[in-house]
PDB file of N, CA and C in Angstrom:
ATOM      1  N   UNK A   1     -27.968 -16.246   0.755  1.00  0.00           N
ATOM      2  CA  UNK A   1     -26.956 -15.260   1.104  1.00  0.00           C
ATOM      3  C   UNK A   1     -25.649 -15.626   0.409  1.00  0.00           C
ATOM      4  N   UNK A   2     -25.012 -14.663  -0.304  1.00  0.00           N
ATOM      5  CA  UNK A   2     -23.768 -14.975  -1.015  1.00  0.00           C
ATOM      6  C   UNK A   2     -22.635 -15.273  -0.040  1.00  0.00           C
ATOM      7  N   UNK A   3     -21.742 -16.140  -0.476  1.00  0.00           N
ATOM      8  CA  UNK A   3     -20.594 -16.518   0.350  1.00  0.00           C
ATOM      9  C   UNK A   3     -19.570 -15.378   0.369  1.00  0.00           C
ATOM     10  N   UNK A   4     -19.010 -15.087   1.545  1.00  0.00           N
ATOM     11  CA  UNK A   4     -18.003 -14.034   1.690  1.00  0.00           C
ATOM     12  C   UNK A   4     -16.652 -14.543   1.194  1.00  0.00           C
ATOM     13  N   UNK A   5     -15.893 -13.685   0.525  1.00  0.00           N
ATOM     14  CA  UNK A   5     -14.547 -14.098   0.091  1.00  0.00           C
ATOM     15  C   UNK A   5     -13.665 -14.422   1.295  1.00  0.00           C
ATOM     16  N   UNK A   6     -12.739 -15.359   1.094  1.00  0.00           N
ATOM     17  CA  UNK A   6     -11.860 -15.798   2.186  1.00  0.00           C
ATOM     18  C   UNK A   6     -10.974 -14.680   2.721  1.00  0.00           C
ATOM     19  N   UNK A   7     -10.547 -13.751   1.851  1.00  0.00           N
ATOM     20  CA  UNK A   7      -9.640 -12.704   2.328  1.00  0.00           C
ATOM     21  C   UNK A   7     -10.333 -11.746   3.290  1.00  0.00           C
ATOM     22  N   UNK A   8     -11.634 -11.589   3.208  1.00  0.00           N
ATOM     23  CA  UNK A   8     -12.357 -10.749   4.166  1.00  0.00           C
ATOM     24  C   UNK A   8     -12.341 -11.394   5.547  1.00  0.00           C
ATOM     25  N   UNK A   9     -12.382 -12.699   5.594  1.00  0.00           N
ATOM     26  CA  UNK A   9     -12.373 -13.408   6.876  1.00  0.00           C
ATOM     27  C   UNK A   9     -11.017 -13.280   7.580  1.00  0.00           C
ATOM     28  N   UNK A  10      -9.965 -12.930   6.846  1.00  0.00           N
ATOM     29  CA  UNK A  10      -8.630 -12.794   7.436  1.00  0.00           C
ATOM     30  C   UNK A  10      -8.433 -11.458   8.136  1.00  0.00           C
ATOM     31  N   UNK A  11      -9.321 -10.501   7.913  1.00  0.00           N
ATOM     32  CA  UNK A  11      -9.203  -9.184   8.532  1.00  0.00           C
ATOM     33  C   UNK A  11      -9.602  -9.286   9.999  1.00  0.00           C
ATOM     34  N   UNK A  12      -8.736  -8.850  10.922  1.00  0.00           N
ATOM     35  CA  UNK A  12      -9.082  -8.916  12.346  1.00  0.00           C
ATOM     36  C   UNK A  12     -10.317  -8.072  12.651  1.00  0.00           C
ATOM     37  N   UNK A  13     -11.158  -8.583  13.512  1.00  0.00           N
ATOM     38  CA  UNK A  13     -12.401  -7.890  13.849  1.00  0.00           C
ATOM     39  C   UNK A  13     -12.307  -7.147  15.179  1.00  0.00           C
ATOM     40  N   UNK A  14     -11.116  -6.990  15.703  1.00  0.00           N
ATOM     41  CA  UNK A  14     -10.940  -6.330  16.994  1.00  0.00           C
ATOM     42  C   UNK A  14     -11.284  -4.847  16.895  1.00  0.00           C
ATOM     43  N   UNK A  15     -11.876  -4.315  17.953  1.00  0.00           N
ATOM     44  CA  UNK A  15     -12.240  -2.902  17.996  1.00  0.00           C
ATOM     45  C   UNK A  15     -11.021  -1.988  18.009  1.00  0.00           C
ATOM     46  N   UNK A  16      -9.936  -2.459  18.580  1.00  0.00           N
ATOM     47  CA  UNK A  16      -8.772  -1.584  18.725  1.00  0.00           C
ATOM     48  C   UNK A  16      -7.632  -1.945  17.774  1.00  0.00           C
ATOM     49  N   UNK A  17      -7.928  -2.635  16.680  1.00  0.00           N
ATOM     50  CA  UNK A  17      -6.887  -3.002  15.719  1.00  0.00           C
ATOM     51  C   UNK A  17      -6.239  -1.771  15.107  1.00  0.00           C
ATOM     52  N   UNK A  18      -7.042  -0.818  14.662  1.00  0.00           N
ATOM     53  CA  UNK A  18      -6.502   0.387  14.035  1.00  0.00           C
ATOM     54  C   UNK A  18      -5.672   1.174  15.041  1.00  0.00           C
ATOM     55  N   UNK A  19      -6.180   1.321  16.246  1.00  0.00           N
ATOM     56  CA  UNK A  19      -5.454   2.044  17.292  1.00  0.00           C
ATOM     57  C   UNK A  19      -4.121   1.365  17.601  1.00  0.00           C
ATOM     58  N   UNK A  20      -4.142   0.051  17.698  1.00  0.00           N
ATOM     59  CA  UNK A  20      -2.919  -0.700  17.992  1.00  0.00           C
ATOM     60  C   UNK A  20      -1.900  -0.529  16.866  1.00  0.00           C
ATOM     61  N   UNK A  21      -2.361  -0.571  15.630  1.00  0.00           N
ATOM     62  CA  UNK A  21      -1.434  -0.425  14.501  1.00  0.00           C
ATOM     63  C   UNK A  21      -0.859   0.983  14.427  1.00  0.00           C
ATOM     64  N   UNK A  22      -1.661   1.984  14.741  1.00  0.00           N
ATOM     65  CA  UNK A  22      -1.151   3.358  14.784  1.00  0.00           C
ATOM     66  C   UNK A  22      -0.084   3.478  15.862  1.00  0.00           C
ATOM     67  N   UNK A  23      -0.332   2.883  17.029  1.00  0.00           N
ATOM     68  CA  UNK A  23       0.663   2.894  18.107  1.00  0.00           C
ATOM     69  C   UNK A  23       1.953   2.191  17.677  1.00  0.00           C
ATOM     70  N   UNK A  24       1.816   1.065  16.963  1.00  0.00           N
ATOM     71  CA  UNK A  24       2.997   0.343  16.494  1.00  0.00           C
ATOM     72  C   UNK A  24       3.803   1.187  15.504  1.00  0.00           C
ATOM     73  N   UNK A  25       3.109   1.886  14.603  1.00  0.00           N
ATOM     74  CA  UNK A  25       3.809   2.746  13.643  1.00  0.00           C
ATOM     75  C   UNK A  25       4.505   3.900  14.355  1.00  0.00           C
ATOM     76  N   UNK A  26       3.836   4.496  15.349  1.00  0.00           N
ATOM     77  CA  UNK A  26       4.438   5.599  16.098  1.00  0.00           C
ATOM     78  C   UNK A  26       5.688   5.126  16.834  1.00  0.00           C
ATOM     79  N   UNK A  27       5.619   3.950  17.450  1.00  0.00           N
ATOM     80  CA  UNK A  27       6.790   3.411  18.148  1.00  0.00           C
ATOM     81  C   UNK A  27       7.921   3.115  17.175  1.00  0.00           C
ATOM     82  N   UNK A  28       7.590   2.600  15.991  1.00  0.00           N
ATOM     83  CA  UNK A  28       8.610   2.316  14.990  1.00  0.00           C
ATOM     84  C   UNK A  28       9.307   3.596  14.545  1.00  0.00           C
ATOM     85  N   UNK A  29       8.534   4.647  14.299  1.00  0.00           N
ATOM     86  CA  UNK A  29       9.116   5.933  13.897  1.00  0.00           C
ATOM     87  C   UNK A  29       9.999   6.488  15.005  1.00  0.00           C
ATOM     88  N   UNK A  30       9.542   6.369  16.247  1.00  0.00           N
ATOM     89  CA  UNK A  30      10.333   6.852  17.382  1.00  0.00           C
ATOM     90  C   UNK A  30      11.669   6.113  17.462  1.00  0.00           C
ATOM     91  N   UNK A  31      11.638   4.792  17.305  1.00  0.00           N
ATOM     92  CA  UNK A  31      12.872   4.015  17.382  1.00  0.00           C
ATOM     93  C   UNK A  31      13.802   4.322  16.209  1.00  0.00           C
ATOM     94  N   UNK A  32      13.245   4.551  15.017  1.00  0.00           N
ATOM     95  CA  UNK A  32      14.077   4.929  13.879  1.00  0.00           C
ATOM     96  C   UNK A  32      14.758   6.273  14.127  1.00  0.00           C
ATOM     97  N   UNK A  33      14.013   7.238  14.664  1.00  0.00           N
ATOM     98  CA  UNK A  33      14.581   8.555  14.943  1.00  0.00           C
ATOM     99  C   UNK A  33      15.669   8.470  16.006  1.00  0.00           C
ATOM    100  N   UNK A  34      15.435   7.705  17.052  1.00  0.00           N
ATOM    101  CA  UNK A  34      16.452   7.527  18.098  1.00  0.00           C
ATOM    102  C   UNK A  34      17.705   6.904  17.498  1.00  0.00           C
ATOM    103  N   UNK A  35      17.527   5.903  16.636  1.00  0.00           N
ATOM    104  CA  UNK A  35      18.661   5.251  15.984  1.00  0.00           C
ATOM    105  C   UNK A  35      19.451   6.239  15.133  1.00  0.00           C
ATOM    106  N   UNK A  36      18.751   7.075  14.373  1.00  0.00           N
ATOM    107  CA  UNK A  36      19.412   8.079  13.535  1.00  0.00           C
ATOM    108  C   UNK A  36      20.184   9.071  14.398  1.00  0.00           C
ATOM    109  N   UNK A  37      19.557   9.565  15.472  1.00  0.00           N
ATOM    110  CA  UNK A  37      20.204  10.563  16.323  1.00  0.00           C
ATOM    111  C   UNK A  37      21.406   9.994  17.065  1.00  0.00           C
ATOM    112  N   UNK A  38      21.351   8.717  17.431  1.00  0.00           N
ATOM    113  CA  UNK A  38      22.477   8.111  18.131  1.00  0.00           C
ATOM    114  C   UNK A  38      23.693   7.953  17.224  1.00  0.00           C
ATOM    115  N   UNK A  39      23.471   7.848  15.916  1.00  0.00           N
ATOM    116  CA  UNK A  39      24.577   7.628  14.987  1.00  0.00           C
ATOM    117  C   UNK A  39      24.988   8.883  14.234  1.00  0.00           C
ATOM    118  N   UNK A  40      24.389  10.018  14.520  1.00  0.00           N
ATOM    119  CA  UNK A  40      24.659  11.232  13.752  1.00  0.00           C
ATOM    120  C   UNK A  40      25.046  12.382  14.666  1.00  0.00           C
ATOM    121  N   UNK A  41      25.743  13.338  14.072  1.00  0.00           N
ATOM    122  CA  UNK A  41      25.986  14.596  14.770  1.00  0.00           C
ATOM    123  C   UNK A  41      24.777  15.481  14.526  1.00  0.00           C
ATOM    124  N   UNK A  42      24.335  16.170  15.564  1.00  0.00           N
ATOM    125  CA  UNK A  42      23.170  17.032  15.407  1.00  0.00           C
ATOM    126  C   UNK A  42      23.263  18.204  16.363  1.00  0.00           C
ATOM    127  N   UNK A  43      22.520  19.240  16.051  1.00  0.00           N
ATOM    128  CA  UNK A  43      22.388  20.373  16.964  1.00  0.00           C
ATOM    129  C   UNK A  43      20.915  20.488  17.326  1.00  0.00           C
ATOM    130  N   UNK A  44      20.665  21.001  18.507  1.00  0.00           N
ATOM    131  CA  UNK A  44      19.288  21.113  18.978  1.00  0.00           C
ATOM    132  C   UNK A  44      19.094  22.487  19.611  1.00  0.00           C
ATOM    133  N   UNK A  45      17.941  23.065  19.371  1.00  0.00           N
ATOM    134  CA  UNK A  45      17.575  24.342  19.973  1.00  0.00           C
ATOM    135  C   UNK A  45      16.176  24.184  20.550  1.00  0.00           C
ATOM    136  N   UNK A  46      16.001  24.576  21.789  1.00  0.00           N
ATOM    137  CA  UNK A  46      14.704  24.464  22.455  1.00  0.00           C
ATOM    138  C   UNK A  46      14.203  25.858  22.786  1.00  0.00           C
ATOM    139  N   UNK A  47      12.941  26.110  22.495  1.00  0.00           N
ATOM    140  CA  UNK A  47      12.321  27.401  22.757  1.00  0.00           C
ATOM    141  C   UNK A  47      11.062  27.164  23.580  1.00  0.00           C
ATOM    142  N   UNK A  48      10.944  27.875  24.680  1.00  0.00           N
ATOM    143  CA  UNK A  48       9.776  27.741  25.551  1.00  0.00           C
ATOM    144  C   UNK A  48       9.116  29.108  25.686  1.00  0.00           C
ATOM    145  N   UNK A  49       7.800  29.136  25.573  1.00  0.00           N
ATOM    146  CA  UNK A  49       7.075  30.395  25.726  1.00  0.00           C
ATOM    147  C   UNK A  49       5.687  30.116  26.284  1.00  0.00           C
ATOM    148  N   UNK A  50       5.043  31.180  26.737  1.00  0.00           N
ATOM    149  CA  UNK A  50       3.675  31.070  27.254  1.00  0.00           C
ATOM    150  C   UNK A  50       2.717  31.580  26.183  1.00  0.00           C
ATOM    151  N   UNK A  51       1.587  30.901  26.035  1.00  0.00           N
ATOM    152  CA  UNK A  51       0.580  31.321  25.068  1.00  0.00           C
ATOM    153  C   UNK A  51      -0.692  31.713  25.809  1.00  0.00           C
ATOM    154  N   UNK A  52      -1.693  32.149  25.069  1.00  0.00           N
ATOM    155  CA  UNK A  52      -2.957  32.592  25.659  1.00  0.00           C
ATOM    156  C   UNK A  52      -3.511  31.494  26.563  1.00  0.00           C
ATOM    157  N   UNK A  53      -4.013  31.873  27.690  1.00  0.00           N
ATOM    158  CA  UNK A  53      -4.545  30.913  28.651  1.00  0.00           C
ATOM    159  C   UNK A  53      -3.494  30.420  29.616  1.00  0.00           C
ATOM    160  N   UNK A  54      -2.340  31.097  29.627  1.00  0.00           N
ATOM    161  CA  UNK A  54      -1.248  30.763  30.542  1.00  0.00           C
ATOM    162  C   UNK A  54      -0.765  29.319  30.365  1.00  0.00           C
ATOM    163  N   UNK A  55      -0.790  28.843  29.130  1.00  0.00           N
ATOM    164  CA  UNK A  55      -0.284  27.508  28.835  1.00  0.00           C
ATOM    165  C   UNK A  55       1.139  27.621  28.304  1.00  0.00           C
ATOM    166  N   UNK A  56       1.909  26.599  28.561  1.00  0.00           N
ATOM    167  CA  UNK A  56       3.306  26.593  28.141  1.00  0.00           C
ATOM    168  C   UNK A  56       3.431  25.890  26.789  1.00  0.00           C
ATOM    169  N   UNK A  57       4.237  26.458  25.919  1.00  0.00           N
ATOM    170  CA  UNK A  57       4.495  25.883  24.601  1.00  0.00           C
ATOM    171  C   UNK A  57       5.996  25.672  24.463  1.00  0.00           C
ATOM    172  N   UNK A  58       6.392  24.452  24.118  1.00  0.00           N
ATOM    173  CA  UNK A  58       7.808  24.162  23.936  1.00  0.00           C
ATOM    174  C   UNK A  58       8.020  23.638  22.519  1.00  0.00           C
ATOM    175  N   UNK A  59       8.991  24.219  21.828  1.00  0.00           N
ATOM    176  CA  UNK A  59       9.344  23.781  20.481  1.00  0.00           C
ATOM    177  C   UNK A  59      10.801  23.358  20.476  1.00  0.00           C
ATOM    178  N   UNK A  60      11.086  22.295  19.762  1.00  0.00           N
ATOM    179  CA  UNK A  60      12.463  21.831  19.624  1.00  0.00           C
ATOM    180  C   UNK A  60      12.809  21.765  18.147  1.00  0.00           C
ATOM    181  N   UNK A  61      13.929  22.355  17.792  1.00  0.00           N
ATOM    182  CA  UNK A  61      14.444  22.316  16.431  1.00  0.00           C
ATOM    183  C   UNK A  61      15.683  21.429  16.439  1.00  0.00           C
ATOM    184  N   UNK A  62      15.699  20.432  15.577  1.00  0.00           N
ATOM    185  CA  UNK A  62      16.838  19.525  15.488  1.00  0.00           C
ATOM    186  C   UNK A  62      17.375  19.580  14.067  1.00  0.00           C
ATOM    187  N   UNK A  63      18.684  19.728  13.949  1.00  0.00           N
ATOM    188  CA  UNK A  63      19.321  19.735  12.632  1.00  0.00           C
ATOM    189  C   UNK A  63      20.371  18.636  12.610  1.00  0.00           C
ATOM    190  N   UNK A  64      20.181  17.687  11.694  1.00  0.00           N
ATOM    191  CA  UNK A  64      21.141  16.604  11.539  1.00  0.00           C
ATOM    192  C   UNK A  64      22.293  17.070  10.675  1.00  0.00           C
ATOM    193  N   UNK A  65      23.470  16.588  10.995  1.00  0.00           N
ATOM    194  CA  UNK A  65      24.647  16.937  10.202  1.00  0.00           C
ATOM    195  C   UNK A  65      25.252  15.672   9.625  1.00  0.00           C
ATOM    196  N   UNK A  66      25.241  15.575   8.319  1.00  0.00           N
ATOM    197  CA  UNK A  66      25.948  14.522   7.600  1.00  0.00           C
ATOM    198  C   UNK A  66      25.467  13.121   7.968  1.00  0.00           C
ATOM    199  N   UNK A  67      24.163  12.913   7.998  1.00  0.00           N
ATOM    200  CA  UNK A  67      23.659  11.556   8.199  1.00  0.00           C
ATOM    201  C   UNK A  67      23.823  10.789   6.894  1.00  0.00           C
ATOM    202  N   UNK A  68      24.388   9.638   6.963  1.00  0.00           N
ATOM    203  CA  UNK A  68      24.671   8.847   5.772  1.00  0.00           C
ATOM    204  C   UNK A  68      23.550   7.834   5.543  1.00  0.00           C
ATOM    205  N   UNK A  69      22.711   8.059   4.529  1.00  0.00           N
ATOM    206  CA  UNK A  69      21.550   7.201   4.273  1.00  0.00           C
ATOM    207  C   UNK A  69      21.943   5.775   3.936  1.00  0.00           C
ATOM    208  N   UNK A  70      23.125   5.571   3.349  1.00  0.00           N
ATOM    209  CA  UNK A  70      23.488   4.210   2.959  1.00  0.00           C
ATOM    210  C   UNK A  70      23.706   3.313   4.177  1.00  0.00           C
ATOM    211  N   UNK A  71      23.917   3.916   5.357  1.00  0.00           N
ATOM    212  CA  UNK A  71      24.117   3.138   6.576  1.00  0.00           C
ATOM    213  C   UNK A  71      22.817   2.868   7.317  1.00  0.00           C
ATOM    214  N   UNK A  72      21.712   3.338   6.777  1.00  0.00           N
ATOM    215  CA  UNK A  72      20.434   3.150   7.450  1.00  0.00           C
ATOM    216  C   UNK A  72      20.095   1.667   7.465  1.00  0.00           C
ATOM    217  N   UNK A  73      19.743   1.159   8.614  1.00  0.00           N
ATOM    218  CA  UNK A  73      19.416  -0.255   8.740  1.00  0.00           C
ATOM    219  C   UNK A  73      17.953  -0.512   9.008  1.00  0.00           C
ATOM    220  N   UNK A  74      17.092   0.445   8.693  1.00  0.00           N
ATOM    221  CA  UNK A  74      15.676   0.287   9.034  1.00  0.00           C
ATOM    222  C   UNK A  74      14.946  -0.630   8.066  1.00  0.00           C
ATOM    223  N   UNK A  75      15.527  -0.903   6.880  1.00  0.00           N
ATOM    224  CA  UNK A  75      14.894  -1.805   5.932  1.00  0.00           C
ATOM    225  C   UNK A  75      13.797  -1.178   5.095  1.00  0.00           C
ATOM    226  N   UNK A  76      13.652   0.132   5.146  1.00  0.00           N
ATOM    227  CA  UNK A  76      12.572   0.799   4.415  1.00  0.00           C
ATOM    228  C   UNK A  76      12.985   1.184   3.001  1.00  0.00           C
ATOM    229  N   UNK A  77      14.235   0.970   2.631  1.00  0.00           N
ATOM    230  CA  UNK A  77      14.692   1.326   1.294  1.00  0.00           C
ATOM    231  C   UNK A  77      15.276   2.714   1.201  1.00  0.00           C
ATOM    232  N   UNK A  78      15.374   3.436   2.326  1.00  0.00           N
ATOM    233  CA  UNK A  78      15.903   4.797   2.266  1.00  0.00           C
ATOM    234  C   UNK A  78      17.395   4.794   1.958  1.00  0.00           C
ATOM    235  N   UNK A  79      18.049   3.646   2.027  1.00  0.00           N
ATOM    236  CA  UNK A  79      19.445   3.554   1.637  1.00  0.00           C
ATOM    237  C   UNK A  79      19.646   3.823   0.162  1.00  0.00           C
ATOM    238  N   UNK A  80      18.567   3.753  -0.612  1.00  0.00           N
ATOM    239  CA  UNK A  80      18.637   4.033  -2.044  1.00  0.00           C
ATOM    240  C   UNK A  80      18.542   5.523  -2.341  1.00  0.00           C
ATOM    241  N   UNK A  81      18.402   6.361  -1.321  1.00  0.00           N
ATOM    242  CA  UNK A  81      18.208   7.799  -1.500  1.00  0.00           C
ATOM    243  C   UNK A  81      19.540   8.546  -1.540  1.00  0.00           C
ATOM    244  N   UNK A  82      20.560   7.988  -2.131  1.00  0.00           N
ATOM    245  CA  UNK A  82      21.879   8.624  -2.180  1.00  0.00           C
ATOM    246  C   UNK A  82      21.935   9.702  -3.203  1.00  0.00           C
TER     247      UNK A  82
END
């Protein structure tokens, strides 16, 4: 039997690794958005309506005003988007 490369052995074998990483990315995006909204002026519009099956649908529209990318502290490089 051929020997497995060492880098394959470094991959976690947990069943919920992918799920956990997706949750971590979602939380990171949520925290980045909260950070942006706390430091920016924005307007928000909420629309609520009923759809087929008597279910409620809520939509929120958010418009940021004058967010300054150079002040972004998330470390993703978006400060270069000037």
